[in-house]
Amino acid sequence: MTTQRSLEKMPNPLRRSSRSHRAVLTAAAALLEEIGYANLTIQAIAERAGVSNKTIYRWWPNKAAVVMEAFADATADIVAVPDTGELRSDLLTFIEAAFVAQRQLRFGATMANLVAAVQTEPSLAEAFRNEFIARRRNAVRQILERASQRGELRDPLDIEVAIDGLYGPLFYRLLVGHAPLDKSFAEALTAQLLLGITS
């Protein structure tokens, strides 16, 4: 007969799964920075996370999917969505945080590594668009939609094009390296964006 005390001693499978899920993502993010996407394997992630390969494949269909969820989560932790109540402040805060993240040697190099790998691996390209890019675009969309509700944006405005206008310069400078992602550029980009999208 199962008593209340014995029930309390039994492990909670949901809690255990949550811990394992987080351990896998943490391991994948760390290995991505340490050895790069090309050298990373499901087996290496499983060993670092202390789980089996089968556990990983229960939640993700392939290496690309787990890596991109891990990288997207790590990026969201570093570059949060601000809500200061004013569009200029929100944009500048967001852009500066994104630039700081990209200037970090490992983070910027990891991003460049992933963008290069996307060109030749369809599964990674799909995961990159659906997981990382979609979430980063949604972060800016939240900022712009709040600004629209406050009456700060011009009408009509194509919000998707406005999002491209923010990320285009970031990726261009990151990948080409012709100029720095610094505070002065963050301020200049914010001012330029505001000229095109505010009422």
N, C-alpha and C. Protein backbone atom coordinates (compact mmCIF):
# COMPACT_ATOMS: atom_id res chain seq x y z
N MET A 1 0.85 -1.19 0.00
CA MET A 1 0.00 0.00 0.00
C MET A 1 0.89 1.25 0.00
N THR A 2 0.56 2.21 -0.86
CA THR A 2 1.36 3.43 -0.96
C THR A 2 0.88 4.44 0.07
N THR A 3 1.77 4.86 0.95
CA THR A 3 1.43 5.84 1.97
C THR A 3 1.80 7.24 1.50
N GLN A 4 1.33 8.25 2.26
CA GLN A 4 1.66 9.63 1.92
C GLN A 4 3.17 9.84 1.99
N ARG A 5 3.81 9.22 3.01
CA ARG A 5 5.26 9.39 3.16
C ARG A 5 6.01 8.78 1.98
N SER A 6 5.56 7.60 1.53
CA SER A 6 6.23 6.97 0.40
C SER A 6 6.03 7.77 -0.88
N LEU A 7 4.85 8.41 -1.00
CA LEU A 7 4.61 9.26 -2.17
C LEU A 7 5.55 10.46 -2.16
N GLU A 8 5.79 11.02 -0.97
CA GLU A 8 6.68 12.17 -0.87
C GLU A 8 8.10 11.82 -1.26
N LYS A 9 8.50 10.56 -1.05
CA LYS A 9 9.86 10.14 -1.36
C LYS A 9 10.04 9.81 -2.84
N MET A 10 8.93 9.57 -3.53
CA MET A 10 9.02 9.21 -4.94
C MET A 10 9.45 10.42 -5.77
N PRO A 11 10.35 10.26 -6.75
CA PRO A 11 10.79 11.39 -7.57
C PRO A 11 9.66 11.91 -8.45
N ASN A 12 9.65 13.19 -8.64
CA ASN A 12 8.66 13.83 -9.50
C ASN A 12 9.17 13.77 -10.94
N PRO A 13 8.53 12.99 -11.83
CA PRO A 13 9.06 12.85 -13.20
C PRO A 13 9.07 14.16 -13.97
N LEU A 14 8.09 15.04 -13.71
CA LEU A 14 8.06 16.32 -14.40
C LEU A 14 9.23 17.19 -13.98
N ARG A 15 9.52 17.20 -12.68
CA ARG A 15 10.63 17.99 -12.18
C ARG A 15 11.95 17.45 -12.72
N ARG A 16 12.07 16.11 -12.74
CA ARG A 16 13.28 15.49 -13.25
C ARG A 16 13.45 15.81 -14.74
N SER A 17 12.37 15.77 -15.49
CA SER A 17 12.44 16.08 -16.92
C SER A 17 12.82 17.52 -17.14
N SER A 18 12.28 18.42 -16.33
CA SER A 18 12.60 19.83 -16.45
C SER A 18 14.08 20.08 -16.19
N ARG A 19 14.61 19.41 -15.16
CA ARG A 19 16.03 19.56 -14.85
C ARG A 19 16.89 19.03 -16.00
N SER A 20 16.52 17.89 -16.55
CA SER A 20 17.27 17.29 -17.65
C SER A 20 17.21 18.17 -18.89
N HIS A 21 16.03 18.71 -19.16
CA HIS A 21 15.84 19.59 -20.32
C HIS A 21 16.76 20.79 -20.20
N ARG A 22 16.79 21.41 -19.05
CA ARG A 22 17.64 22.58 -18.83
C ARG A 22 19.11 22.19 -18.90
N ALA A 23 19.47 21.03 -18.38
CA ALA A 23 20.86 20.57 -18.41
C ALA A 23 21.33 20.37 -19.85
N VAL A 24 20.46 19.85 -20.69
CA VAL A 24 20.81 19.64 -22.10
C VAL A 24 21.06 20.98 -22.79
N LEU A 25 20.17 21.95 -22.57
CA LEU A 25 20.32 23.25 -23.20
C LEU A 25 21.59 23.96 -22.72
N THR A 26 21.86 23.86 -21.42
CA THR A 26 23.06 24.47 -20.87
C THR A 26 24.31 23.84 -21.46
N ALA A 27 24.30 22.52 -21.57
CA ALA A 27 25.44 21.81 -22.14
C ALA A 27 25.64 22.17 -23.60
N ALA A 28 24.56 22.22 -24.35
CA ALA A 28 24.65 22.54 -25.78
C ALA A 28 25.21 23.94 -26.00
N ALA A 29 24.73 24.92 -25.21
CA ALA A 29 25.21 26.30 -25.34
C ALA A 29 26.70 26.39 -25.02
N ALA A 30 27.13 25.70 -23.97
CA ALA A 30 28.53 25.75 -23.57
C ALA A 30 29.43 25.10 -24.63
N LEU A 31 29.02 23.95 -25.12
CA LEU A 31 29.82 23.25 -26.12
C LEU A 31 29.86 24.01 -27.44
N LEU A 32 28.77 24.68 -27.77
CA LEU A 32 28.73 25.47 -29.00
C LEU A 32 29.81 26.54 -28.96
N GLU A 33 29.97 27.21 -27.82
CA GLU A 33 31.00 28.22 -27.68
C GLU A 33 32.40 27.61 -27.64
N GLU A 34 32.52 26.46 -27.00
CA GLU A 34 33.84 25.86 -26.79
C GLU A 34 34.42 25.23 -28.05
N ILE A 35 33.60 24.48 -28.79
CA ILE A 35 34.16 23.71 -29.91
C ILE A 35 33.50 24.01 -31.25
N GLY A 36 32.46 24.83 -31.27
CA GLY A 36 31.82 25.18 -32.53
C GLY A 36 30.79 24.17 -32.97
N TYR A 37 29.91 24.61 -33.85
CA TYR A 37 28.80 23.76 -34.28
C TYR A 37 29.26 22.51 -35.01
N ALA A 38 30.24 22.64 -35.90
CA ALA A 38 30.67 21.52 -36.73
C ALA A 38 31.20 20.35 -35.90
N ASN A 39 31.86 20.67 -34.80
CA ASN A 39 32.48 19.63 -33.97
C ASN A 39 31.57 19.10 -32.87
N LEU A 40 30.43 19.70 -32.73
CA LEU A 40 29.51 19.35 -31.65
C LEU A 40 28.67 18.13 -32.05
N THR A 41 28.48 17.21 -31.12
CA THR A 41 27.67 16.01 -31.39
C THR A 41 26.62 15.83 -30.29
N ILE A 42 25.60 15.08 -30.62
CA ILE A 42 24.58 14.74 -29.62
C ILE A 42 25.22 13.97 -28.46
N GLN A 43 26.16 13.09 -28.78
CA GLN A 43 26.82 12.32 -27.74
C GLN A 43 27.56 13.24 -26.76
N ALA A 44 28.24 14.26 -27.29
CA ALA A 44 28.97 15.20 -26.43
C ALA A 44 28.00 15.98 -25.54
N ILE A 45 26.87 16.39 -26.10
CA ILE A 45 25.87 17.11 -25.31
C ILE A 45 25.33 16.21 -24.21
N ALA A 46 25.01 14.98 -24.56
CA ALA A 46 24.46 14.03 -23.59
C ALA A 46 25.44 13.78 -22.45
N GLU A 47 26.72 13.61 -22.78
CA GLU A 47 27.71 13.36 -21.74
C GLU A 47 27.86 14.57 -20.82
N ARG A 48 27.89 15.76 -21.40
CA ARG A 48 28.03 16.98 -20.59
C ARG A 48 26.80 17.18 -19.70
N ALA A 49 25.62 16.86 -20.24
CA ALA A 49 24.37 17.08 -19.49
C ALA A 49 24.06 15.96 -18.51
N GLY A 50 24.73 14.82 -18.66
CA GLY A 50 24.45 13.69 -17.78
C GLY A 50 23.16 12.98 -18.12
N VAL A 51 22.83 12.94 -19.42
CA VAL A 51 21.62 12.25 -19.87
C VAL A 51 22.00 11.30 -21.00
N SER A 52 21.05 10.53 -21.47
CA SER A 52 21.31 9.62 -22.58
C SER A 52 20.98 10.30 -23.91
N ASN A 53 21.55 9.76 -24.98
CA ASN A 53 21.20 10.25 -26.32
C ASN A 53 19.69 10.14 -26.55
N LYS A 54 19.11 9.05 -26.06
CA LYS A 54 17.68 8.81 -26.24
C LYS A 54 16.85 9.92 -25.61
N THR A 55 17.31 10.42 -24.46
CA THR A 55 16.59 11.52 -23.80
C THR A 55 16.58 12.75 -24.68
N ILE A 56 17.71 13.06 -25.29
CA ILE A 56 17.78 14.24 -26.16
C ILE A 56 16.87 14.08 -27.37
N TYR A 57 16.91 12.91 -28.00
CA TYR A 57 16.09 12.70 -29.19
C TYR A 57 14.60 12.62 -28.86
N ARG A 58 14.28 12.45 -27.59
CA ARG A 58 12.87 12.48 -27.19
C ARG A 58 12.30 13.89 -27.32
N TRP A 59 13.17 14.90 -27.15
CA TRP A 59 12.71 16.29 -27.16
C TRP A 59 13.08 17.06 -28.43
N TRP A 60 14.13 16.64 -29.11
CA TRP A 60 14.59 17.34 -30.32
C TRP A 60 14.85 16.35 -31.44
N PRO A 61 14.53 16.71 -32.68
CA PRO A 61 14.69 15.77 -33.79
C PRO A 61 16.14 15.60 -34.25
N ASN A 62 16.99 16.61 -33.99
CA ASN A 62 18.37 16.55 -34.48
C ASN A 62 19.24 17.55 -33.71
N LYS A 63 20.52 17.52 -34.02
CA LYS A 63 21.49 18.40 -33.36
C LYS A 63 21.15 19.87 -33.58
N ALA A 64 20.76 20.20 -34.80
CA ALA A 64 20.46 21.59 -35.12
C ALA A 64 19.36 22.16 -34.22
N ALA A 65 18.33 21.37 -33.97
CA ALA A 65 17.20 21.84 -33.18
C ALA A 65 17.60 22.13 -31.74
N VAL A 66 18.36 21.24 -31.13
CA VAL A 66 18.75 21.45 -29.73
C VAL A 66 19.73 22.60 -29.62
N VAL A 67 20.65 22.70 -30.56
CA VAL A 67 21.64 23.79 -30.52
C VAL A 67 20.98 25.14 -30.69
N MET A 68 20.04 25.25 -31.61
CA MET A 68 19.43 26.56 -31.84
C MET A 68 18.51 26.96 -30.69
N GLU A 69 17.83 26.00 -30.07
CA GLU A 69 17.03 26.36 -28.89
C GLU A 69 17.95 26.84 -27.77
N ALA A 70 19.07 26.17 -27.61
CA ALA A 70 20.02 26.56 -26.57
C ALA A 70 20.58 27.95 -26.84
N PHE A 71 20.95 28.22 -28.08
CA PHE A 71 21.52 29.52 -28.42
C PHE A 71 20.47 30.63 -28.32
N ALA A 72 19.25 30.34 -28.74
CA ALA A 72 18.18 31.33 -28.64
C ALA A 72 17.87 31.66 -27.18
N ASP A 73 17.86 30.65 -26.31
CA ASP A 73 17.63 30.88 -24.88
C ASP A 73 18.75 31.72 -24.29
N ALA A 74 19.99 31.40 -24.64
CA ALA A 74 21.13 32.15 -24.11
C ALA A 74 21.08 33.60 -24.56
N THR A 75 20.69 33.83 -25.81
CA THR A 75 20.59 35.20 -26.32
C THR A 75 19.49 35.97 -25.61
N ALA A 76 18.34 35.32 -25.39
CA ALA A 76 17.22 35.97 -24.71
C ALA A 76 17.60 36.37 -23.28
N ASP A 77 18.44 35.57 -22.65
CA ASP A 77 18.88 35.88 -21.30
C ASP A 77 19.76 37.13 -21.29
N ILE A 78 20.58 37.29 -22.33
CA ILE A 78 21.51 38.43 -22.40
C ILE A 78 20.81 39.68 -22.92
N VAL A 79 19.99 39.50 -23.96
CA VAL A 79 19.33 40.64 -24.61
C VAL A 79 17.83 40.55 -24.35
N ALA A 80 17.42 41.07 -23.21
CA ALA A 80 16.01 41.03 -22.81
C ALA A 80 15.23 42.12 -23.54
N VAL A 81 13.90 42.05 -23.43
CA VAL A 81 13.03 43.04 -24.07
C VAL A 81 12.70 44.13 -23.05
N PRO A 82 13.23 45.34 -23.24
CA PRO A 82 12.97 46.41 -22.27
C PRO A 82 11.56 46.97 -22.41
N ASP A 83 11.06 47.57 -21.35
CA ASP A 83 9.76 48.23 -21.38
C ASP A 83 9.85 49.47 -20.50
N THR A 84 10.44 50.52 -21.07
CA THR A 84 10.66 51.76 -20.32
C THR A 84 9.49 52.72 -20.44
N GLY A 85 8.56 52.42 -21.37
CA GLY A 85 7.43 53.31 -21.58
C GLY A 85 7.66 54.34 -22.67
N GLU A 86 8.84 54.26 -23.33
CA GLU A 86 9.17 55.24 -24.37
C GLU A 86 9.99 54.55 -25.45
N LEU A 87 9.64 54.77 -26.71
CA LEU A 87 10.22 54.03 -27.82
C LEU A 87 11.73 54.22 -27.94
N ARG A 88 12.19 55.46 -27.89
CA ARG A 88 13.63 55.69 -28.08
C ARG A 88 14.45 54.95 -27.02
N SER A 89 14.00 55.03 -25.79
CA SER A 89 14.72 54.38 -24.71
C SER A 89 14.70 52.86 -24.87
N ASP A 90 13.54 52.33 -25.26
CA ASP A 90 13.43 50.88 -25.46
C ASP A 90 14.38 50.40 -26.57
N LEU A 91 14.36 51.12 -27.71
CA LEU A 91 15.20 50.72 -28.83
C LEU A 91 16.69 50.82 -28.47
N LEU A 92 17.07 51.93 -27.86
CA LEU A 92 18.49 52.12 -27.52
C LEU A 92 18.96 51.07 -26.52
N THR A 93 18.14 50.79 -25.52
CA THR A 93 18.50 49.78 -24.53
C THR A 93 18.66 48.42 -25.18
N PHE A 94 17.74 48.07 -26.06
CA PHE A 94 17.77 46.77 -26.74
C PHE A 94 18.97 46.67 -27.67
N ILE A 95 19.19 47.69 -28.47
CA ILE A 95 20.30 47.68 -29.42
C ILE A 95 21.65 47.63 -28.70
N GLU A 96 21.80 48.43 -27.65
CA GLU A 96 23.06 48.42 -26.90
C GLU A 96 23.33 47.04 -26.29
N ALA A 97 22.30 46.40 -25.75
CA ALA A 97 22.46 45.06 -25.18
C ALA A 97 22.85 44.05 -26.26
N ALA A 98 22.24 44.17 -27.44
CA ALA A 98 22.58 43.27 -28.55
C ALA A 98 24.02 43.49 -28.99
N PHE A 99 24.46 44.74 -29.03
CA PHE A 99 25.83 45.04 -29.44
C PHE A 99 26.83 44.52 -28.41
N VAL A 100 26.51 44.69 -27.14
CA VAL A 100 27.41 44.17 -26.10
C VAL A 100 27.56 42.66 -26.24
N ALA A 101 26.45 41.98 -26.48
CA ALA A 101 26.50 40.52 -26.64
C ALA A 101 27.36 40.14 -27.84
N GLN A 102 27.18 40.82 -28.96
CA GLN A 102 27.92 40.47 -30.17
C GLN A 102 29.40 40.82 -30.06
N ARG A 103 29.73 41.84 -29.25
CA ARG A 103 31.14 42.21 -29.08
C ARG A 103 31.89 41.20 -28.22
N GLN A 104 31.16 40.46 -27.40
CA GLN A 104 31.82 39.44 -26.60
C GLN A 104 32.43 38.42 -27.55
N LEU A 105 33.70 38.12 -27.37
CA LEU A 105 34.44 37.32 -28.33
C LEU A 105 33.73 36.01 -28.66
N ARG A 106 33.37 35.25 -27.63
CA ARG A 106 32.77 33.94 -27.89
C ARG A 106 31.38 34.06 -28.51
N PHE A 107 30.59 35.00 -28.02
CA PHE A 107 29.22 35.12 -28.51
C PHE A 107 29.22 35.55 -29.97
N GLY A 108 30.01 36.58 -30.28
CA GLY A 108 30.07 37.06 -31.66
C GLY A 108 30.62 36.01 -32.60
N ALA A 109 31.67 35.31 -32.16
CA ALA A 109 32.26 34.26 -32.99
C ALA A 109 31.29 33.10 -33.19
N THR A 110 30.53 32.78 -32.14
CA THR A 110 29.53 31.71 -32.24
C THR A 110 28.46 32.06 -33.25
N MET A 111 27.99 33.31 -33.20
CA MET A 111 26.98 33.75 -34.16
C MET A 111 27.49 33.67 -35.59
N ALA A 112 28.70 34.16 -35.81
CA ALA A 112 29.28 34.11 -37.15
C ALA A 112 29.44 32.66 -37.62
N ASN A 113 29.84 31.80 -36.72
CA ASN A 113 30.01 30.38 -37.02
C ASN A 113 28.69 29.75 -37.44
N LEU A 114 27.63 30.09 -36.73
CA LEU A 114 26.31 29.54 -37.04
C LEU A 114 25.80 30.05 -38.38
N VAL A 115 25.98 31.34 -38.63
CA VAL A 115 25.52 31.92 -39.90
C VAL A 115 26.23 31.26 -41.07
N ALA A 116 27.52 30.97 -40.90
CA ALA A 116 28.26 30.28 -41.96
C ALA A 116 27.73 28.86 -42.16
N ALA A 117 27.49 28.15 -41.07
CA ALA A 117 27.02 26.77 -41.16
C ALA A 117 25.62 26.69 -41.77
N VAL A 118 24.82 27.72 -41.54
CA VAL A 118 23.45 27.76 -42.07
C VAL A 118 23.44 27.65 -43.60
N GLN A 119 24.50 28.15 -44.24
CA GLN A 119 24.53 28.19 -45.70
C GLN A 119 24.59 26.80 -46.33
N THR A 120 25.07 25.82 -45.57
CA THR A 120 25.27 24.49 -46.16
C THR A 120 24.49 23.37 -45.48
N GLU A 121 23.78 23.69 -44.40
CA GLU A 121 23.03 22.65 -43.69
C GLU A 121 21.56 23.05 -43.57
N PRO A 122 20.69 22.47 -44.38
CA PRO A 122 19.27 22.85 -44.38
C PRO A 122 18.59 22.71 -43.02
N SER A 123 18.90 21.67 -42.26
CA SER A 123 18.25 21.48 -40.97
C SER A 123 18.63 22.60 -40.00
N LEU A 124 19.88 23.04 -40.05
CA LEU A 124 20.31 24.14 -39.20
C LEU A 124 19.67 25.45 -39.66
N ALA A 125 19.59 25.64 -40.97
CA ALA A 125 18.97 26.85 -41.52
C ALA A 125 17.52 26.97 -41.05
N GLU A 126 16.81 25.85 -41.10
CA GLU A 126 15.41 25.86 -40.66
C GLU A 126 15.29 26.16 -39.18
N ALA A 127 16.15 25.52 -38.36
CA ALA A 127 16.12 25.76 -36.92
C ALA A 127 16.54 27.19 -36.59
N PHE A 128 17.49 27.71 -37.32
CA PHE A 128 17.97 29.08 -37.13
C PHE A 128 16.85 30.08 -37.37
N ARG A 129 16.11 29.88 -38.45
CA ARG A 129 15.00 30.78 -38.77
C ARG A 129 13.84 30.63 -37.78
N ASN A 130 13.47 29.38 -37.51
CA ASN A 130 12.27 29.12 -36.69
C ASN A 130 12.48 29.36 -35.21
N GLU A 131 13.69 29.15 -34.74
CA GLU A 131 13.95 29.28 -33.30
C GLU A 131 14.62 30.62 -32.99
N PHE A 132 15.80 30.85 -33.53
CA PHE A 132 16.55 32.05 -33.17
C PHE A 132 15.99 33.32 -33.81
N ILE A 133 15.92 33.34 -35.13
CA ILE A 133 15.48 34.55 -35.83
C ILE A 133 14.05 34.92 -35.45
N ALA A 134 13.16 33.95 -35.40
CA ALA A 134 11.76 34.24 -35.06
C ALA A 134 11.65 34.87 -33.68
N ARG A 135 12.40 34.34 -32.71
CA ARG A 135 12.33 34.88 -31.35
C ARG A 135 12.95 36.26 -31.25
N ARG A 136 14.06 36.50 -31.97
CA ARG A 136 14.69 37.82 -31.94
C ARG A 136 13.81 38.85 -32.64
N ARG A 137 13.17 38.48 -33.72
CA ARG A 137 12.25 39.40 -34.41
C ARG A 137 11.05 39.70 -33.52
N ASN A 138 10.56 38.69 -32.83
CA ASN A 138 9.41 38.90 -31.96
C ASN A 138 9.75 39.86 -30.82
N ALA A 139 10.99 39.83 -30.35
CA ALA A 139 11.40 40.75 -29.29
C ALA A 139 11.27 42.20 -29.75
N VAL A 140 11.74 42.50 -30.96
CA VAL A 140 11.62 43.87 -31.49
C VAL A 140 10.17 44.19 -31.81
N ARG A 141 9.43 43.19 -32.29
CA ARG A 141 8.01 43.40 -32.60
C ARG A 141 7.25 43.84 -31.34
N GLN A 142 7.57 43.25 -30.20
CA GLN A 142 6.92 43.66 -28.95
C GLN A 142 7.17 45.13 -28.65
N ILE A 143 8.41 45.57 -28.84
CA ILE A 143 8.76 46.97 -28.60
C ILE A 143 7.96 47.89 -29.52
N LEU A 144 7.91 47.54 -30.80
CA LEU A 144 7.22 48.39 -31.77
C LEU A 144 5.71 48.37 -31.58
N GLU A 145 5.15 47.23 -31.24
CA GLU A 145 3.70 47.17 -31.04
C GLU A 145 3.28 47.98 -29.82
N ARG A 146 4.08 47.96 -28.76
CA ARG A 146 3.77 48.80 -27.59
C ARG A 146 3.86 50.28 -27.97
N ALA A 147 4.86 50.62 -28.79
CA ALA A 147 5.00 52.01 -29.22
C ALA A 147 3.81 52.43 -30.07
N SER A 148 3.32 51.51 -30.91
CA SER A 148 2.16 51.79 -31.74
C SER A 148 0.93 52.07 -30.88
N GLN A 149 0.76 51.27 -29.82
CA GLN A 149 -0.36 51.48 -28.91
C GLN A 149 -0.28 52.83 -28.19
N ARG A 150 0.94 53.32 -27.99
CA ARG A 150 1.12 54.63 -27.36
C ARG A 150 1.02 55.78 -28.36
N GLY A 151 0.87 55.45 -29.65
CA GLY A 151 0.75 56.46 -30.69
C GLY A 151 2.08 57.05 -31.13
N GLU A 152 3.18 56.33 -30.90
CA GLU A 152 4.50 56.85 -31.24
C GLU A 152 4.92 56.54 -32.68
N LEU A 153 4.28 55.56 -33.32
CA LEU A 153 4.68 55.17 -34.66
C LEU A 153 3.82 55.85 -35.72
N ARG A 154 4.44 56.09 -36.87
CA ARG A 154 3.65 56.67 -37.97
C ARG A 154 2.70 55.62 -38.52
N ASP A 155 1.65 56.08 -39.14
CA ASP A 155 0.63 55.19 -39.68
C ASP A 155 0.38 55.56 -41.14
N PRO A 156 0.55 54.61 -42.09
CA PRO A 156 0.85 53.19 -41.86
C PRO A 156 2.35 52.94 -41.69
N LEU A 157 2.68 51.83 -41.05
CA LEU A 157 4.07 51.42 -40.89
C LEU A 157 4.17 49.91 -41.08
N ASP A 158 5.09 49.48 -41.91
CA ASP A 158 5.35 48.05 -42.08
C ASP A 158 6.33 47.62 -40.99
N ILE A 159 5.81 47.03 -39.93
CA ILE A 159 6.63 46.66 -38.78
C ILE A 159 7.70 45.64 -39.15
N GLU A 160 7.38 44.72 -40.07
CA GLU A 160 8.37 43.71 -40.46
C GLU A 160 9.57 44.34 -41.15
N VAL A 161 9.34 45.35 -41.98
CA VAL A 161 10.44 46.06 -42.62
C VAL A 161 11.24 46.85 -41.58
N ALA A 162 10.54 47.42 -40.61
CA ALA A 162 11.22 48.15 -39.53
C ALA A 162 12.14 47.22 -38.74
N ILE A 163 11.70 46.00 -38.51
CA ILE A 163 12.53 45.02 -37.80
C ILE A 163 13.78 44.70 -38.62
N ASP A 164 13.59 44.53 -39.95
CA ASP A 164 14.74 44.31 -40.82
C ASP A 164 15.72 45.48 -40.73
N GLY A 165 15.17 46.70 -40.61
CA GLY A 165 16.01 47.89 -40.53
C GLY A 165 16.86 47.94 -39.29
N LEU A 166 16.44 47.25 -38.23
CA LEU A 166 17.25 47.18 -37.02
C LEU A 166 18.32 46.09 -37.13
N TYR A 167 17.91 44.90 -37.55
CA TYR A 167 18.84 43.78 -37.54
C TYR A 167 19.82 43.79 -38.71
N GLY A 168 19.43 44.38 -39.84
CA GLY A 168 20.33 44.41 -40.99
C GLY A 168 21.70 45.00 -40.67
N PRO A 169 21.75 46.20 -40.11
CA PRO A 169 23.05 46.79 -39.78
C PRO A 169 23.83 45.99 -38.75
N LEU A 170 23.13 45.36 -37.79
CA LEU A 170 23.80 44.57 -36.77
C LEU A 170 24.54 43.40 -37.41
N PHE A 171 23.84 42.62 -38.23
CA PHE A 171 24.46 41.46 -38.84
C PHE A 171 25.52 41.87 -39.86
N TYR A 172 25.30 42.98 -40.55
CA TYR A 172 26.27 43.44 -41.54
C TYR A 172 27.60 43.76 -40.88
N ARG A 173 27.56 44.52 -39.80
CA ARG A 173 28.80 44.86 -39.11
C ARG A 173 29.42 43.64 -38.43
N LEU A 174 28.59 42.76 -37.91
CA LEU A 174 29.12 41.56 -37.26
C LEU A 174 29.86 40.68 -38.25
N LEU A 175 29.26 40.44 -39.43
CA LEU A 175 29.81 39.49 -40.38
C LEU A 175 30.90 40.09 -41.27
N VAL A 176 30.76 41.37 -41.62
CA VAL A 176 31.75 41.99 -42.50
C VAL A 176 32.91 42.57 -41.70
N GLY A 177 32.59 43.09 -40.51
CA GLY A 177 33.64 43.60 -39.63
C GLY A 177 34.28 44.90 -40.09
N HIS A 178 33.57 45.69 -40.89
CA HIS A 178 34.17 46.93 -41.41
C HIS A 178 34.13 48.07 -40.40
N ALA A 179 33.27 47.92 -39.38
CA ALA A 179 33.13 48.98 -38.37
C ALA A 179 32.61 48.33 -37.09
N PRO A 180 32.86 48.97 -35.94
CA PRO A 180 32.51 48.35 -34.66
C PRO A 180 31.03 48.45 -34.30
N LEU A 181 30.60 47.53 -33.47
CA LEU A 181 29.27 47.58 -32.87
C LEU A 181 29.44 48.25 -31.50
N ASP A 182 29.54 49.57 -31.52
CA ASP A 182 29.82 50.29 -30.28
C ASP A 182 28.65 51.19 -29.89
N LYS A 183 28.84 51.91 -28.79
CA LYS A 183 27.76 52.73 -28.24
C LYS A 183 27.37 53.85 -29.20
N SER A 184 28.35 54.46 -29.87
CA SER A 184 28.04 55.55 -30.78
C SER A 184 27.21 55.06 -31.96
N PHE A 185 27.50 53.84 -32.43
CA PHE A 185 26.70 53.30 -33.53
C PHE A 185 25.30 52.93 -33.05
N ALA A 186 25.19 52.43 -31.83
CA ALA A 186 23.87 52.11 -31.27
C ALA A 186 23.01 53.36 -31.22
N GLU A 187 23.60 54.48 -30.81
CA GLU A 187 22.85 55.75 -30.74
C GLU A 187 22.49 56.23 -32.14
N ALA A 188 23.43 56.13 -33.09
CA ALA A 188 23.16 56.58 -34.45
C ALA A 188 22.09 55.71 -35.12
N LEU A 189 22.16 54.39 -34.90
CA LEU A 189 21.17 53.50 -35.49
C LEU A 189 19.79 53.76 -34.90
N THR A 190 19.73 53.98 -33.61
CA THR A 190 18.45 54.28 -32.98
C THR A 190 17.85 55.56 -33.56
N ALA A 191 18.67 56.60 -33.69
CA ALA A 191 18.18 57.87 -34.25
C ALA A 191 17.70 57.69 -35.68
N GLN A 192 18.43 56.91 -36.48
CA GLN A 192 18.03 56.68 -37.86
C GLN A 192 16.73 55.91 -37.96
N LEU A 193 16.58 54.90 -37.11
CA LEU A 193 15.33 54.13 -37.09
C LEU A 193 14.15 55.01 -36.74
N LEU A 194 14.34 55.85 -35.73
CA LEU A 194 13.24 56.71 -35.27
C LEU A 194 12.78 57.67 -36.37
N LEU A 195 13.73 58.15 -37.19
CA LEU A 195 13.37 59.04 -38.30
C LEU A 195 12.40 58.37 -39.27
N GLY A 196 12.58 57.07 -39.46
CA GLY A 196 11.77 56.38 -40.44
C GLY A 196 10.47 55.81 -39.92
N ILE A 197 10.34 55.64 -38.59
CA ILE A 197 9.16 54.91 -38.09
C ILE A 197 8.25 55.73 -37.17
N THR A 198 8.72 56.89 -36.72
CA THR A 198 7.87 57.65 -35.77
C THR A 198 7.00 58.65 -36.50
N SER A 199 5.93 59.03 -35.82
CA SER A 199 4.95 59.95 -36.42
C SER A 199 5.43 61.39 -36.30
